[in-house]
Amino acid sequence: MKVGVLALQGNYEMHCKVLEKINIEPVYIKYPYELDMVRGLIIPGGESTTMSKLMNRIDLYDGILSFAKKYPVLGTCAGLILMSNKVVDSNLTPLRLLDINIKRNGYGRQINSGTVNVELKLEDTDYSIPASFIRAPKIVDYNNVKVIAQYEDVPVIVSNGKHLGISFHPELDNITILHEYVFLNGDK
């Protein structure tokens, strides 16, 4: 199986390492036609405005929207921002893959970044995982999504069945269960 990792900007290398660890071949995605080679996509953390501008410049928005109708997308941090319905206080153009509204840097600036444990349940198994929040987005409103994990009573992992959005960076802590859940377990 091959899964694409959007490689325009951000922390895409760590996602590739997680995919390799679970025996999925990562493919760098820089142009729309490359989506034809994969059966899933990761939109990594990074700087969401920069990623959005680059996606617009190379006409990648429509390619991702078409791809997402059939295949799963996982977004972390900036990827979650790009997958949202609306970004509060921003003119960024979101993909609207998840029915959520996001506040960028909702947990604070770089100085407020850190790691906490979050509890989640996937397919009847409970997990406690480290969650590294780095200028993380906060979900401020949501509809029609399943909340998989919360931190301080705010959703930090949400799914609409096929797509998964994460406020933090599981790849930094070598967490594989979320990538496995999206790309190895079929439709939810």
N, C-alpha and C. Protein backbone atom coordinates (compact mmCIF):
# COMPACT_ATOMS: atom_id res chain seq x y z
N MET A 1 0.84 -1.19 0.00
CA MET A 1 0.00 0.00 0.00
C MET A 1 0.88 1.25 0.00
N LYS A 2 0.43 2.28 -0.72
CA LYS A 2 1.15 3.55 -0.78
C LYS A 2 0.24 4.65 -0.25
N VAL A 3 0.82 5.50 0.61
CA VAL A 3 0.10 6.65 1.16
C VAL A 3 0.93 7.89 0.86
N GLY A 4 0.26 8.91 0.38
CA GLY A 4 0.93 10.16 0.08
C GLY A 4 1.11 11.02 1.31
N VAL A 5 2.20 11.77 1.31
CA VAL A 5 2.47 12.74 2.35
C VAL A 5 2.71 14.07 1.65
N LEU A 6 1.84 15.04 1.92
CA LEU A 6 1.98 16.34 1.30
C LEU A 6 3.34 16.92 1.68
N ALA A 7 4.18 17.17 0.70
CA ALA A 7 5.57 17.54 0.95
C ALA A 7 5.88 18.94 0.41
N LEU A 8 4.99 19.87 0.72
CA LEU A 8 5.20 21.24 0.28
C LEU A 8 5.99 22.04 1.32
N GLN A 9 5.72 21.77 2.57
CA GLN A 9 6.31 22.50 3.68
C GLN A 9 5.89 21.76 4.94
N GLY A 10 6.67 21.85 5.98
CA GLY A 10 6.27 21.25 7.25
C GLY A 10 7.00 19.95 7.55
N ASN A 11 6.46 19.23 8.51
CA ASN A 11 7.12 18.05 9.07
C ASN A 11 6.68 16.76 8.37
N TYR A 12 6.88 16.68 7.08
CA TYR A 12 6.44 15.50 6.34
C TYR A 12 7.37 14.31 6.51
N GLU A 13 8.65 14.54 6.77
CA GLU A 13 9.62 13.43 6.92
C GLU A 13 9.25 12.49 8.07
N MET A 14 8.83 13.05 9.20
CA MET A 14 8.49 12.20 10.35
C MET A 14 7.28 11.31 10.04
N HIS A 15 6.32 11.82 9.29
CA HIS A 15 5.17 11.00 8.90
C HIS A 15 5.62 9.84 8.01
N CYS A 16 6.58 10.11 7.14
CA CYS A 16 7.12 9.04 6.28
C CYS A 16 7.73 7.93 7.13
N LYS A 17 8.44 8.30 8.16
CA LYS A 17 9.05 7.30 9.05
C LYS A 17 7.99 6.48 9.77
N VAL A 18 6.91 7.12 10.21
CA VAL A 18 5.81 6.38 10.86
C VAL A 18 5.19 5.40 9.87
N LEU A 19 4.95 5.85 8.64
CA LEU A 19 4.36 4.96 7.62
C LEU A 19 5.27 3.76 7.36
N GLU A 20 6.56 4.01 7.22
CA GLU A 20 7.50 2.90 6.99
C GLU A 20 7.48 1.92 8.15
N LYS A 21 7.34 2.42 9.36
CA LYS A 21 7.31 1.56 10.54
C LYS A 21 6.11 0.60 10.52
N ILE A 22 5.01 1.01 9.88
CA ILE A 22 3.82 0.14 9.81
C ILE A 22 3.67 -0.49 8.42
N ASN A 23 4.80 -0.54 7.70
CA ASN A 23 4.88 -1.21 6.39
C ASN A 23 3.98 -0.61 5.32
N ILE A 24 3.89 0.71 5.33
CA ILE A 24 3.21 1.44 4.27
C ILE A 24 4.26 2.26 3.55
N GLU A 25 4.24 2.22 2.23
CA GLU A 25 5.22 2.98 1.45
C GLU A 25 4.77 4.43 1.33
N PRO A 26 5.59 5.37 1.84
CA PRO A 26 5.24 6.78 1.70
C PRO A 26 5.61 7.31 0.32
N VAL A 27 4.80 8.23 -0.19
CA VAL A 27 5.07 8.87 -1.47
C VAL A 27 4.94 10.37 -1.25
N TYR A 28 5.99 11.11 -1.57
CA TYR A 28 5.94 12.56 -1.45
C TYR A 28 4.97 13.12 -2.49
N ILE A 29 4.05 13.97 -2.04
CA ILE A 29 3.08 14.59 -2.94
C ILE A 29 3.39 16.08 -3.04
N LYS A 30 3.74 16.50 -4.26
CA LYS A 30 4.02 17.92 -4.52
C LYS A 30 3.16 18.48 -5.65
N TYR A 31 2.52 17.59 -6.41
CA TYR A 31 1.71 18.01 -7.54
C TYR A 31 0.43 17.17 -7.58
N PRO A 32 -0.66 17.72 -8.13
CA PRO A 32 -1.94 17.00 -8.14
C PRO A 32 -1.88 15.62 -8.78
N TYR A 33 -1.16 15.45 -9.89
CA TYR A 33 -1.15 14.17 -10.58
C TYR A 33 -0.55 13.05 -9.73
N GLU A 34 0.27 13.40 -8.74
CA GLU A 34 0.90 12.38 -7.88
C GLU A 34 -0.12 11.69 -6.97
N LEU A 35 -1.28 12.31 -6.77
CA LEU A 35 -2.33 11.68 -5.96
C LEU A 35 -2.84 10.39 -6.59
N ASP A 36 -2.68 10.24 -7.90
CA ASP A 36 -3.12 9.02 -8.59
C ASP A 36 -2.32 7.79 -8.16
N MET A 37 -1.17 8.00 -7.53
CA MET A 37 -0.30 6.89 -7.14
C MET A 37 -0.58 6.34 -5.74
N VAL A 38 -1.48 6.99 -4.98
CA VAL A 38 -1.65 6.63 -3.57
C VAL A 38 -3.10 6.35 -3.23
N ARG A 39 -3.30 5.73 -2.06
CA ARG A 39 -4.64 5.36 -1.58
C ARG A 39 -4.94 5.98 -0.22
N GLY A 40 -4.24 7.04 0.12
CA GLY A 40 -4.44 7.79 1.34
C GLY A 40 -3.51 8.98 1.30
N LEU A 41 -3.80 9.98 2.14
CA LEU A 41 -2.99 11.20 2.14
C LEU A 41 -2.83 11.72 3.56
N ILE A 42 -1.62 12.21 3.87
CA ILE A 42 -1.35 12.89 5.12
C ILE A 42 -1.04 14.34 4.81
N ILE A 43 -1.71 15.24 5.52
CA ILE A 43 -1.38 16.66 5.47
C ILE A 43 -0.69 16.96 6.79
N PRO A 44 0.62 17.19 6.77
CA PRO A 44 1.39 17.29 8.01
C PRO A 44 1.26 18.65 8.69
N GLY A 45 1.89 18.74 9.84
CA GLY A 45 2.03 20.02 10.50
C GLY A 45 3.01 20.89 9.74
N GLY A 46 2.98 22.15 10.04
CA GLY A 46 3.84 23.12 9.39
C GLY A 46 3.20 24.48 9.56
N GLU A 47 3.35 25.34 8.59
CA GLU A 47 2.75 26.66 8.65
C GLU A 47 1.58 26.68 7.67
N SER A 48 0.37 26.71 8.22
CA SER A 48 -0.83 26.51 7.41
C SER A 48 -1.01 27.56 6.32
N THR A 49 -0.69 28.81 6.59
CA THR A 49 -0.84 29.84 5.57
C THR A 49 0.10 29.58 4.40
N THR A 50 1.33 29.25 4.69
CA THR A 50 2.30 28.93 3.63
C THR A 50 1.84 27.72 2.83
N MET A 51 1.38 26.69 3.53
CA MET A 51 0.91 25.49 2.84
C MET A 51 -0.28 25.81 1.94
N SER A 52 -1.20 26.62 2.45
CA SER A 52 -2.38 27.00 1.67
C SER A 52 -1.97 27.76 0.41
N LYS A 53 -1.05 28.71 0.53
CA LYS A 53 -0.60 29.48 -0.63
C LYS A 53 0.07 28.57 -1.66
N LEU A 54 0.89 27.64 -1.20
CA LEU A 54 1.54 26.71 -2.13
C LEU A 54 0.52 25.80 -2.81
N MET A 55 -0.47 25.33 -2.04
CA MET A 55 -1.52 24.48 -2.62
C MET A 55 -2.28 25.24 -3.70
N ASN A 56 -2.58 26.51 -3.45
CA ASN A 56 -3.26 27.34 -4.45
C ASN A 56 -2.38 27.54 -5.69
N ARG A 57 -1.11 27.79 -5.47
CA ARG A 57 -0.19 28.08 -6.58
C ARG A 57 -0.10 26.91 -7.56
N ILE A 58 -0.15 25.68 -7.04
CA ILE A 58 0.00 24.51 -7.94
C ILE A 58 -1.32 23.79 -8.19
N ASP A 59 -2.44 24.46 -7.88
CA ASP A 59 -3.78 23.90 -8.12
C ASP A 59 -3.99 22.55 -7.45
N LEU A 60 -3.53 22.44 -6.22
CA LEU A 60 -3.66 21.18 -5.49
C LEU A 60 -4.97 21.06 -4.73
N TYR A 61 -5.67 22.16 -4.47
CA TYR A 61 -6.93 22.11 -3.72
C TYR A 61 -7.94 21.18 -4.37
N ASP A 62 -8.22 21.40 -5.64
CA ASP A 62 -9.23 20.57 -6.32
C ASP A 62 -8.80 19.11 -6.36
N GLY A 63 -7.51 18.86 -6.56
CA GLY A 63 -7.01 17.49 -6.57
C GLY A 63 -7.24 16.79 -5.24
N ILE A 64 -6.97 17.49 -4.14
CA ILE A 64 -7.18 16.89 -2.82
C ILE A 64 -8.66 16.68 -2.56
N LEU A 65 -9.50 17.64 -2.94
CA LEU A 65 -10.95 17.50 -2.72
C LEU A 65 -11.51 16.31 -3.49
N SER A 66 -11.08 16.13 -4.71
CA SER A 66 -11.52 14.99 -5.50
C SER A 66 -11.00 13.68 -4.89
N PHE A 67 -9.75 13.66 -4.52
CA PHE A 67 -9.12 12.49 -3.90
C PHE A 67 -9.85 12.10 -2.62
N ALA A 68 -10.20 13.10 -1.80
CA ALA A 68 -10.80 12.86 -0.48
C ALA A 68 -12.21 12.28 -0.56
N LYS A 69 -12.85 12.36 -1.70
CA LYS A 69 -14.17 11.74 -1.86
C LYS A 69 -14.07 10.23 -1.80
N LYS A 70 -12.92 9.71 -2.19
CA LYS A 70 -12.74 8.26 -2.26
C LYS A 70 -11.78 7.71 -1.21
N TYR A 71 -10.75 8.48 -0.86
CA TYR A 71 -9.68 7.96 -0.01
C TYR A 71 -9.54 8.76 1.29
N PRO A 72 -8.96 8.12 2.33
CA PRO A 72 -8.82 8.79 3.62
C PRO A 72 -7.71 9.84 3.63
N VAL A 73 -7.95 10.88 4.45
CA VAL A 73 -6.97 11.93 4.67
C VAL A 73 -6.77 12.07 6.17
N LEU A 74 -5.51 12.15 6.58
CA LEU A 74 -5.14 12.38 7.97
C LEU A 74 -4.41 13.72 8.02
N GLY A 75 -4.85 14.59 8.92
CA GLY A 75 -4.19 15.89 9.06
C GLY A 75 -3.76 16.12 10.49
N THR A 76 -2.52 16.58 10.66
CA THR A 76 -2.02 16.91 11.99
C THR A 76 -1.68 18.39 12.04
N CYS A 77 -2.08 19.04 13.11
CA CYS A 77 -1.77 20.45 13.39
C CYS A 77 -2.17 21.32 12.19
N ALA A 78 -1.24 21.80 11.40
CA ALA A 78 -1.58 22.61 10.22
C ALA A 78 -2.48 21.82 9.27
N GLY A 79 -2.26 20.51 9.19
CA GLY A 79 -3.13 19.67 8.37
C GLY A 79 -4.57 19.71 8.84
N LEU A 80 -4.77 19.71 10.17
CA LEU A 80 -6.12 19.84 10.74
C LEU A 80 -6.71 21.19 10.36
N ILE A 81 -5.91 22.23 10.45
CA ILE A 81 -6.38 23.57 10.07
C ILE A 81 -6.87 23.55 8.62
N LEU A 82 -6.08 22.98 7.73
CA LEU A 82 -6.44 22.94 6.31
C LEU A 82 -7.66 22.06 6.05
N MET A 83 -7.90 21.06 6.89
CA MET A 83 -9.05 20.17 6.70
C MET A 83 -10.35 20.75 7.27
N SER A 84 -10.27 21.84 8.01
CA SER A 84 -11.43 22.40 8.71
C SER A 84 -12.42 23.06 7.76
N ASN A 85 -13.57 23.40 8.33
CA ASN A 85 -14.60 24.15 7.63
C ASN A 85 -14.27 25.63 7.58
N LYS A 86 -13.78 26.13 8.73
CA LYS A 86 -13.50 27.55 8.87
C LYS A 86 -12.34 27.74 9.83
N VAL A 87 -11.49 28.71 9.51
CA VAL A 87 -10.38 29.08 10.37
C VAL A 87 -10.71 30.46 10.94
N VAL A 88 -10.92 30.52 12.25
CA VAL A 88 -11.28 31.77 12.91
C VAL A 88 -10.13 32.77 12.76
N ASP A 89 -10.47 34.02 12.48
CA ASP A 89 -9.49 35.10 12.37
C ASP A 89 -8.41 34.83 11.31
N SER A 90 -8.82 34.29 10.18
CA SER A 90 -7.84 34.01 9.12
C SER A 90 -8.56 34.06 7.78
N ASN A 91 -7.85 34.42 6.74
CA ASN A 91 -8.42 34.38 5.40
C ASN A 91 -7.94 33.14 4.63
N LEU A 92 -7.37 32.18 5.35
CA LEU A 92 -6.91 30.93 4.76
C LEU A 92 -8.10 30.18 4.15
N THR A 93 -7.89 29.56 3.02
CA THR A 93 -8.95 28.79 2.36
C THR A 93 -8.87 27.33 2.81
N PRO A 94 -9.82 26.88 3.65
CA PRO A 94 -9.77 25.48 4.11
C PRO A 94 -10.40 24.53 3.09
N LEU A 95 -10.08 23.25 3.25
CA LEU A 95 -10.60 22.21 2.36
C LEU A 95 -12.02 21.78 2.71
N ARG A 96 -12.45 22.03 3.93
CA ARG A 96 -13.80 21.67 4.41
C ARG A 96 -14.03 20.15 4.39
N LEU A 97 -13.01 19.39 4.78
CA LEU A 97 -13.15 17.94 4.85
C LEU A 97 -13.73 17.50 6.20
N LEU A 98 -13.59 18.33 7.22
CA LEU A 98 -14.14 18.04 8.55
C LEU A 98 -15.02 19.22 8.96
N ASP A 99 -16.19 18.93 9.52
CA ASP A 99 -17.14 19.97 9.92
C ASP A 99 -16.73 20.54 11.28
N ILE A 100 -15.63 21.28 11.26
CA ILE A 100 -15.08 21.89 12.48
C ILE A 100 -14.62 23.31 12.17
N ASN A 101 -14.62 24.14 13.20
CA ASN A 101 -14.03 25.47 13.10
C ASN A 101 -12.81 25.48 14.01
N ILE A 102 -11.76 26.12 13.53
CA ILE A 102 -10.45 26.06 14.17
C ILE A 102 -9.96 27.45 14.53
N LYS A 103 -9.28 27.53 15.66
CA LYS A 103 -8.53 28.74 16.01
C LYS A 103 -7.05 28.37 15.95
N ARG A 104 -6.32 29.05 15.07
CA ARG A 104 -4.88 28.80 14.97
C ARG A 104 -4.21 29.20 16.28
N ASN A 105 -3.15 28.48 16.66
CA ASN A 105 -2.42 28.75 17.90
C ASN A 105 -3.36 28.83 19.10
N GLY A 106 -4.40 28.01 19.07
CA GLY A 106 -5.43 28.04 20.12
C GLY A 106 -4.94 27.64 21.49
N TYR A 107 -3.83 26.92 21.55
CA TYR A 107 -3.25 26.52 22.84
C TYR A 107 -2.07 27.41 23.22
N GLY A 108 -1.84 28.48 22.45
CA GLY A 108 -0.77 29.40 22.77
C GLY A 108 0.34 29.38 21.74
N ARG A 109 1.28 30.25 21.94
CA ARG A 109 2.41 30.41 21.04
C ARG A 109 3.47 29.33 21.32
N GLN A 110 4.62 29.47 20.70
CA GLN A 110 5.70 28.50 20.84
C GLN A 110 6.07 28.25 22.31
N ILE A 111 6.11 29.30 23.10
CA ILE A 111 6.51 29.17 24.50
C ILE A 111 5.53 28.30 25.31
N ASN A 112 4.29 28.19 24.83
CA ASN A 112 3.28 27.37 25.51
C ASN A 112 3.25 25.93 25.02
N SER A 113 4.11 25.61 24.06
CA SER A 113 4.12 24.26 23.49
C SER A 113 4.62 23.26 24.52
N GLY A 114 4.14 22.02 24.39
CA GLY A 114 4.57 20.97 25.30
C GLY A 114 3.85 19.66 25.01
N THR A 115 4.13 18.67 25.85
CA THR A 115 3.56 17.34 25.67
C THR A 115 2.74 16.97 26.89
N VAL A 116 1.54 16.45 26.64
CA VAL A 116 0.64 15.95 27.69
C VAL A 116 0.17 14.57 27.27
N ASN A 117 -0.45 13.83 28.16
CA ASN A 117 -1.07 12.56 27.79
C ASN A 117 -2.54 12.77 27.48
N VAL A 118 -3.01 12.10 26.44
CA VAL A 118 -4.44 12.10 26.13
C VAL A 118 -4.93 10.66 26.09
N GLU A 119 -6.19 10.50 26.46
CA GLU A 119 -6.83 9.19 26.47
C GLU A 119 -7.74 9.10 25.25
N LEU A 120 -7.71 7.94 24.58
CA LEU A 120 -8.58 7.73 23.45
C LEU A 120 -8.97 6.27 23.34
N LYS A 121 -10.03 6.05 22.58
CA LYS A 121 -10.51 4.69 22.36
C LYS A 121 -10.66 4.49 20.86
N LEU A 122 -9.99 3.46 20.36
CA LEU A 122 -10.11 3.09 18.95
C LEU A 122 -10.49 1.63 18.87
N GLU A 123 -11.59 1.36 18.22
CA GLU A 123 -12.04 -0.01 18.01
C GLU A 123 -11.98 -0.84 19.29
N ASP A 124 -12.63 -0.34 20.32
CA ASP A 124 -12.77 -1.02 21.62
C ASP A 124 -11.47 -1.19 22.40
N THR A 125 -10.43 -0.47 22.02
CA THR A 125 -9.17 -0.52 22.77
C THR A 125 -8.88 0.88 23.30
N ASP A 126 -8.56 0.96 24.59
CA ASP A 126 -8.21 2.24 25.21
C ASP A 126 -6.71 2.47 25.09
N TYR A 127 -6.36 3.72 24.83
CA TYR A 127 -4.95 4.11 24.73
C TYR A 127 -4.72 5.36 25.55
N SER A 128 -3.52 5.48 26.06
CA SER A 128 -3.03 6.72 26.64
C SER A 128 -1.75 7.04 25.89
N ILE A 129 -1.77 8.16 25.17
CA ILE A 129 -0.62 8.48 24.32
C ILE A 129 -0.11 9.88 24.64
N PRO A 130 1.19 10.09 24.40
CA PRO A 130 1.71 11.45 24.52
C PRO A 130 1.21 12.29 23.35
N ALA A 131 0.89 13.54 23.63
CA ALA A 131 0.40 14.46 22.61
C ALA A 131 1.25 15.72 22.65
N SER A 132 2.05 15.91 21.61
CA SER A 132 2.93 17.09 21.53
C SER A 132 2.21 18.22 20.81
N PHE A 133 1.87 19.25 21.58
CA PHE A 133 1.18 20.43 21.06
C PHE A 133 2.23 21.50 20.78
N ILE A 134 2.37 21.89 19.51
CA ILE A 134 3.32 22.92 19.12
C ILE A 134 2.55 24.00 18.36
N ARG A 135 2.31 25.12 19.02
CA ARG A 135 1.46 26.17 18.43
C ARG A 135 0.20 25.53 17.85
N ALA A 136 -0.41 24.68 18.61
CA ALA A 136 -1.48 23.81 18.13
C ALA A 136 -2.80 24.55 17.90
N PRO A 137 -3.53 24.10 16.88
CA PRO A 137 -4.87 24.65 16.65
C PRO A 137 -5.86 24.08 17.65
N LYS A 138 -6.87 24.88 17.97
CA LYS A 138 -7.92 24.44 18.89
C LYS A 138 -9.23 24.37 18.13
N ILE A 139 -9.93 23.26 18.29
CA ILE A 139 -11.26 23.10 17.70
C ILE A 139 -12.23 23.89 18.57
N VAL A 140 -12.85 24.93 17.99
CA VAL A 140 -13.74 25.80 18.76
C VAL A 140 -15.21 25.50 18.52
N ASP A 141 -15.50 24.75 17.47
CA ASP A 141 -16.88 24.37 17.18
C ASP A 141 -16.82 23.14 16.27
N TYR A 142 -17.80 22.24 16.44
CA TYR A 142 -17.80 21.05 15.61
C TYR A 142 -19.21 20.48 15.48
N ASN A 143 -19.45 19.82 14.35
CA ASN A 143 -20.70 19.13 14.04
C ASN A 143 -20.36 17.93 13.16
N ASN A 144 -21.17 16.91 13.24
CA ASN A 144 -21.05 15.76 12.34
C ASN A 144 -19.67 15.12 12.32
N VAL A 145 -18.97 15.14 13.44
CA VAL A 145 -17.71 14.43 13.57
C VAL A 145 -17.74 13.62 14.86
N LYS A 146 -16.98 12.56 14.87
CA LYS A 146 -16.82 11.74 16.06
C LYS A 146 -15.61 12.26 16.82
N VAL A 147 -15.80 12.57 18.10
CA VAL A 147 -14.69 13.00 18.94
C VAL A 147 -13.99 11.75 19.47
N ILE A 148 -12.74 11.57 19.11
CA ILE A 148 -11.98 10.39 19.51
C ILE A 148 -11.16 10.66 20.76
N ALA A 149 -10.70 11.89 20.93
CA ALA A 149 -9.94 12.25 22.13
C ALA A 149 -10.16 13.73 22.44
N GLN A 150 -10.06 14.03 23.73
CA GLN A 150 -10.18 15.41 24.20
C GLN A 150 -9.01 15.74 25.12
N TYR A 151 -8.74 17.03 25.21
CA TYR A 151 -7.79 17.54 26.18
C TYR A 151 -8.44 18.77 26.80
N GLU A 152 -8.56 18.76 28.10
CA GLU A 152 -9.23 19.84 28.83
C GLU A 152 -10.62 20.10 28.24
N ASP A 153 -11.37 19.02 28.00
CA ASP A 153 -12.74 19.06 27.49
C ASP A 153 -12.89 19.67 26.10
N VAL A 154 -11.82 19.72 25.34
CA VAL A 154 -11.86 20.21 23.96
C VAL A 154 -11.39 19.07 23.05
N PRO A 155 -12.12 18.80 21.96
CA PRO A 155 -11.68 17.74 21.04
C PRO A 155 -10.29 18.02 20.48
N VAL A 156 -9.45 16.98 20.46
CA VAL A 156 -8.12 17.10 19.86
C VAL A 156 -7.89 16.05 18.76
N ILE A 157 -8.78 15.06 18.68
CA ILE A 157 -8.79 14.11 17.56
C ILE A 157 -10.25 13.93 17.16
N VAL A 158 -10.55 14.18 15.88
CA VAL A 158 -11.91 14.02 15.38
C VAL A 158 -11.88 13.25 14.06
N SER A 159 -13.00 12.60 13.78
CA SER A 159 -13.12 11.82 12.55
C SER A 159 -14.52 11.98 11.98
N ASN A 160 -14.63 11.92 10.68
CA ASN A 160 -15.95 11.85 10.06
C ASN A 160 -16.12 10.50 9.36
N GLY A 161 -15.40 9.51 9.84
CA GLY A 161 -15.46 8.18 9.25
C GLY A 161 -14.20 7.89 8.46
N LYS A 162 -14.03 8.57 7.36
CA LYS A 162 -12.89 8.32 6.49
C LYS A 162 -11.68 9.19 6.84
N HIS A 163 -11.94 10.42 7.26
CA HIS A 163 -10.87 11.39 7.51
C HIS A 163 -10.65 11.58 9.01
N LEU A 164 -9.38 11.85 9.37
CA LEU A 164 -9.01 12.02 10.78
C LEU A 164 -8.21 13.30 10.92
N GLY A 165 -8.62 14.14 11.86
CA GLY A 165 -7.91 15.37 12.15
C GLY A 165 -7.38 15.37 13.57
N ILE A 166 -6.14 15.82 13.73
CA ILE A 166 -5.45 15.75 15.02
C ILE A 166 -4.82 17.12 15.30
N SER A 167 -5.07 17.67 16.50
CA SER A 167 -4.51 18.98 16.87
C SER A 167 -3.01 18.93 17.15
N PHE A 168 -2.51 17.77 17.50
CA PHE A 168 -1.12 17.65 17.92
C PHE A 168 -0.31 16.84 16.91
N HIS A 169 0.92 16.45 17.31
CA HIS A 169 1.87 15.78 16.41
C HIS A 169 2.20 14.36 16.89
N PRO A 170 1.40 13.35 16.55
CA PRO A 170 1.73 11.98 16.97
C PRO A 170 3.05 11.47 16.38
N GLU A 171 3.41 11.98 15.21
CA GLU A 171 4.63 11.53 14.55
C GLU A 171 5.88 11.91 15.34
N LEU A 172 5.83 12.99 16.10
CA LEU A 172 6.99 13.41 16.89
C LEU A 172 7.27 12.45 18.04
N ASP A 173 6.22 11.78 18.51
CA ASP A 173 6.35 10.84 19.62
C ASP A 173 6.34 9.39 19.14
N ASN A 174 6.52 9.21 17.81
CA ASN A 174 6.59 7.88 17.21
C ASN A 174 5.32 7.06 17.46
N ILE A 175 4.19 7.74 17.52
CA ILE A 175 2.89 7.08 17.72
C ILE A 175 2.41 6.58 16.36
N THR A 176 2.09 5.30 16.26
CA THR A 176 1.65 4.72 14.99
C THR A 176 0.16 4.39 14.96
N ILE A 177 -0.50 4.31 16.11
CA ILE A 177 -1.88 3.79 16.13
C ILE A 177 -2.86 4.63 15.34
N LEU A 178 -2.64 5.93 15.24
CA LEU A 178 -3.57 6.77 14.50
C LEU A 178 -3.39 6.59 12.99
N HIS A 179 -2.16 6.46 12.54
CA HIS A 179 -1.91 6.17 11.13
C HIS A 179 -2.46 4.78 10.77
N GLU A 180 -2.26 3.82 11.65
CA GLU A 180 -2.80 2.47 11.43
C GLU A 180 -4.32 2.51 11.34
N TYR A 181 -4.95 3.25 12.25
CA TYR A 181 -6.39 3.35 12.30
C TYR A 181 -6.97 3.89 10.97
N VAL A 182 -6.33 4.90 10.41
CA VAL A 182 -6.82 5.52 9.18
C VAL A 182 -6.52 4.68 7.95
N PHE A 183 -5.28 4.19 7.86
CA PHE A 183 -4.83 3.60 6.59
C PHE A 183 -4.85 2.07 6.54
N LEU A 184 -4.92 1.40 7.69
CA LEU A 184 -4.90 -0.06 7.68
C LEU A 184 -6.22 -0.71 8.08
N ASN A 185 -7.15 0.07 8.61
CA ASN A 185 -8.39 -0.53 9.12
C ASN A 185 -9.62 -0.26 8.26
N GLY A 186 -9.43 0.25 7.05
CA GLY A 186 -10.57 0.45 6.14
C GLY A 186 -11.52 1.52 6.64
N ASP A 187 -12.69 1.62 6.00
CA ASP A 187 -13.68 2.62 6.39
C ASP A 187 -14.18 2.38 7.80
N LYS A 188 -14.37 3.48 8.52
CA LYS A 188 -14.83 3.39 9.91
C LYS A 188 -16.34 3.47 9.95
